[in-house]
């Protein structure tokens, strides 16, 4: 990408970000990370849906505290938190979109490894 200095833009947000806070070329790395995470999200959804059918939403994820949660539980908790806190500008109504990268990784490498290992 052809990055220009932030000072040369008329964008209010860009002008008010401290110049030493985050260099503009990092945004490209964040864009790639975002795309990789969403590709992984799509893979997890498709593999679980094709193997577990309608029951994919009940796939369980173990936490570091030895608790087990289903995708449905996590979705419900995060939607409730969003309603209370309101940190997301719009409601995300699809459960797979509420999972973190750690939860996606746990689905792949944990209990469901047998169905993901071919990928």
Protein backbone atom coordinates (compact mmCIF):
# COMPACT_ATOMS: atom_id res chain seq x y z
CA UNK A 1 0.00 0.00 0.00
CA UNK A 2 1.04 3.55 -0.52
CA UNK A 3 0.94 5.09 2.97
CA UNK A 4 0.90 8.85 3.34
CA UNK A 5 1.61 10.86 6.43
CA UNK A 6 -1.40 11.24 8.67
CA UNK A 7 -0.83 15.01 8.87
CA UNK A 8 -1.63 15.29 5.13
CA UNK A 9 -5.21 14.14 5.48
CA UNK A 10 -8.42 16.06 6.14
CA UNK A 11 -9.87 13.21 8.19
CA UNK A 12 -10.63 14.49 11.71
CA UNK A 13 -10.02 11.09 13.31
CA UNK A 14 -6.67 10.64 11.59
CA UNK A 15 -5.54 14.13 12.58
CA UNK A 16 -6.41 13.56 16.22
CA UNK A 17 -4.69 10.20 16.66
CA UNK A 18 -1.35 10.90 18.33
CA UNK A 19 1.42 10.44 15.75
CA UNK A 20 3.36 8.06 17.99
CA UNK A 21 0.33 6.05 19.13
CA UNK A 22 0.01 3.68 16.19
CA UNK A 23 1.82 3.91 12.89
CA UNK A 24 -0.44 3.84 9.88
CA UNK A 25 1.23 0.79 8.29
CA UNK A 26 0.02 -1.30 11.26
CA UNK A 27 -3.54 -0.90 10.01
CA UNK A 28 -2.65 -3.11 7.05
CA UNK A 29 -1.49 -5.85 9.45
CA UNK A 30 -4.73 -5.49 11.43
CA UNK A 31 -6.73 -5.83 8.22
CA UNK A 32 -4.96 -9.10 7.42
CA UNK A 33 -5.49 -10.39 10.97
CA UNK A 34 -9.19 -9.52 10.72
CA UNK A 35 -9.50 -11.38 7.42
CA UNK A 36 -7.67 -14.45 8.74
CA UNK A 37 -9.87 -14.55 11.84
CA UNK A 38 -13.04 -14.35 9.77
CA UNK A 39 -11.79 -17.03 7.37
CA UNK A 40 -11.15 -19.25 10.40
CA UNK A 41 -14.62 -18.39 11.70
CA UNK A 42 -16.14 -19.48 8.39
CA UNK A 43 -14.14 -22.72 8.39
CA UNK A 44 -15.27 -23.56 11.94
CA UNK A 45 -18.89 -22.86 11.08
CA UNK A 46 -18.87 -24.91 7.88
CA UNK A 47 -17.10 -27.91 9.42
CA UNK A 48 -19.30 -27.95 12.53
CA UNK A 49 -22.49 -27.44 10.50
CA UNK A 50 -21.64 -30.22 8.05
CA UNK A 51 -20.70 -32.68 10.80
CA UNK A 52 -23.08 -31.80 13.64
CA UNK A 53 -25.97 -30.53 11.47
CA UNK A 54 -28.55 -28.57 13.51
CA UNK A 55 -26.69 -29.42 16.69
CA UNK A 56 -23.62 -27.31 15.74
CA UNK A 57 -24.75 -24.55 18.08
CA UNK A 58 -24.46 -26.97 21.00
CA UNK A 59 -20.79 -27.66 20.34
CA UNK A 60 -18.97 -27.28 23.64
CA UNK A 61 -15.89 -25.24 24.41
CA UNK A 62 -13.82 -25.87 27.53
CA UNK A 63 -12.44 -22.88 29.39
CA UNK A 64 -9.22 -22.60 31.33
CA UNK A 65 -11.25 -22.93 34.55
CA UNK A 66 -12.43 -26.41 33.45
CA UNK A 67 -15.90 -25.08 32.68
CA UNK A 68 -17.68 -26.11 29.54
CA UNK A 69 -19.83 -23.75 27.49
CA UNK A 70 -21.75 -24.26 24.29
CA UNK A 71 -21.69 -21.84 21.39
CA UNK A 72 -25.32 -21.05 22.26
CA UNK A 73 -24.38 -20.20 25.88
CA UNK A 74 -21.53 -17.96 24.81
CA UNK A 75 -23.77 -16.20 22.28
CA UNK A 76 -26.46 -15.60 24.89
CA UNK A 77 -23.94 -14.25 27.43
CA UNK A 78 -22.29 -11.90 24.96
CA UNK A 79 -25.60 -10.58 23.64
CA UNK A 80 -26.71 -9.86 27.21
CA UNK A 81 -23.42 -8.12 27.95
CA UNK A 82 -23.83 -6.05 24.79
CA UNK A 83 -27.31 -4.99 25.87
CA UNK A 84 -25.99 -3.96 29.28
CA UNK A 85 -22.82 -2.22 28.15
CA UNK A 86 -23.72 -1.17 24.62
CA UNK A 87 -20.15 -1.16 23.31
CA UNK A 88 -21.10 -2.47 19.87
CA UNK A 89 -22.91 -0.06 17.60
CA UNK A 90 -25.15 -2.73 16.11
CA UNK A 91 -26.38 -6.09 17.27
CA UNK A 92 -24.59 -9.18 15.96
CA UNK A 93 -27.26 -11.83 15.54
CA UNK A 94 -25.21 -14.80 14.46
CA UNK A 95 -23.58 -16.97 17.15
CA UNK A 96 -20.34 -17.80 15.31
CA UNK A 97 -19.56 -14.07 15.06
CA UNK A 98 -19.53 -13.75 18.85
CA UNK A 99 -16.73 -16.26 19.38
CA UNK A 100 -13.23 -15.03 20.12
CA UNK A 101 -10.14 -16.29 18.33
CA UNK A 102 -9.31 -18.33 21.43
CA UNK A 103 -12.75 -19.97 21.43
CA UNK A 104 -12.46 -20.76 17.72
CA UNK A 105 -9.04 -22.29 18.30
CA UNK A 106 -10.36 -24.36 21.21
CA UNK A 107 -13.13 -25.73 18.99
CA UNK A 108 -10.58 -26.80 16.38
CA UNK A 109 -7.87 -28.21 18.64
CA UNK A 110 -10.00 -29.52 21.49
CA UNK A 111 -12.92 -31.91 21.57
CA UNK A 112 -13.66 -31.60 17.83
CA UNK A 113 -10.13 -32.16 16.52
CA UNK A 114 -11.27 -35.43 14.92
CA UNK A 115 -13.49 -33.52 12.47
CA UNK A 116 -11.02 -30.67 11.85
CA UNK A 117 -7.80 -32.65 11.46
CA UNK A 118 -8.33 -33.26 7.73
CA UNK A 119 -8.28 -29.51 7.16
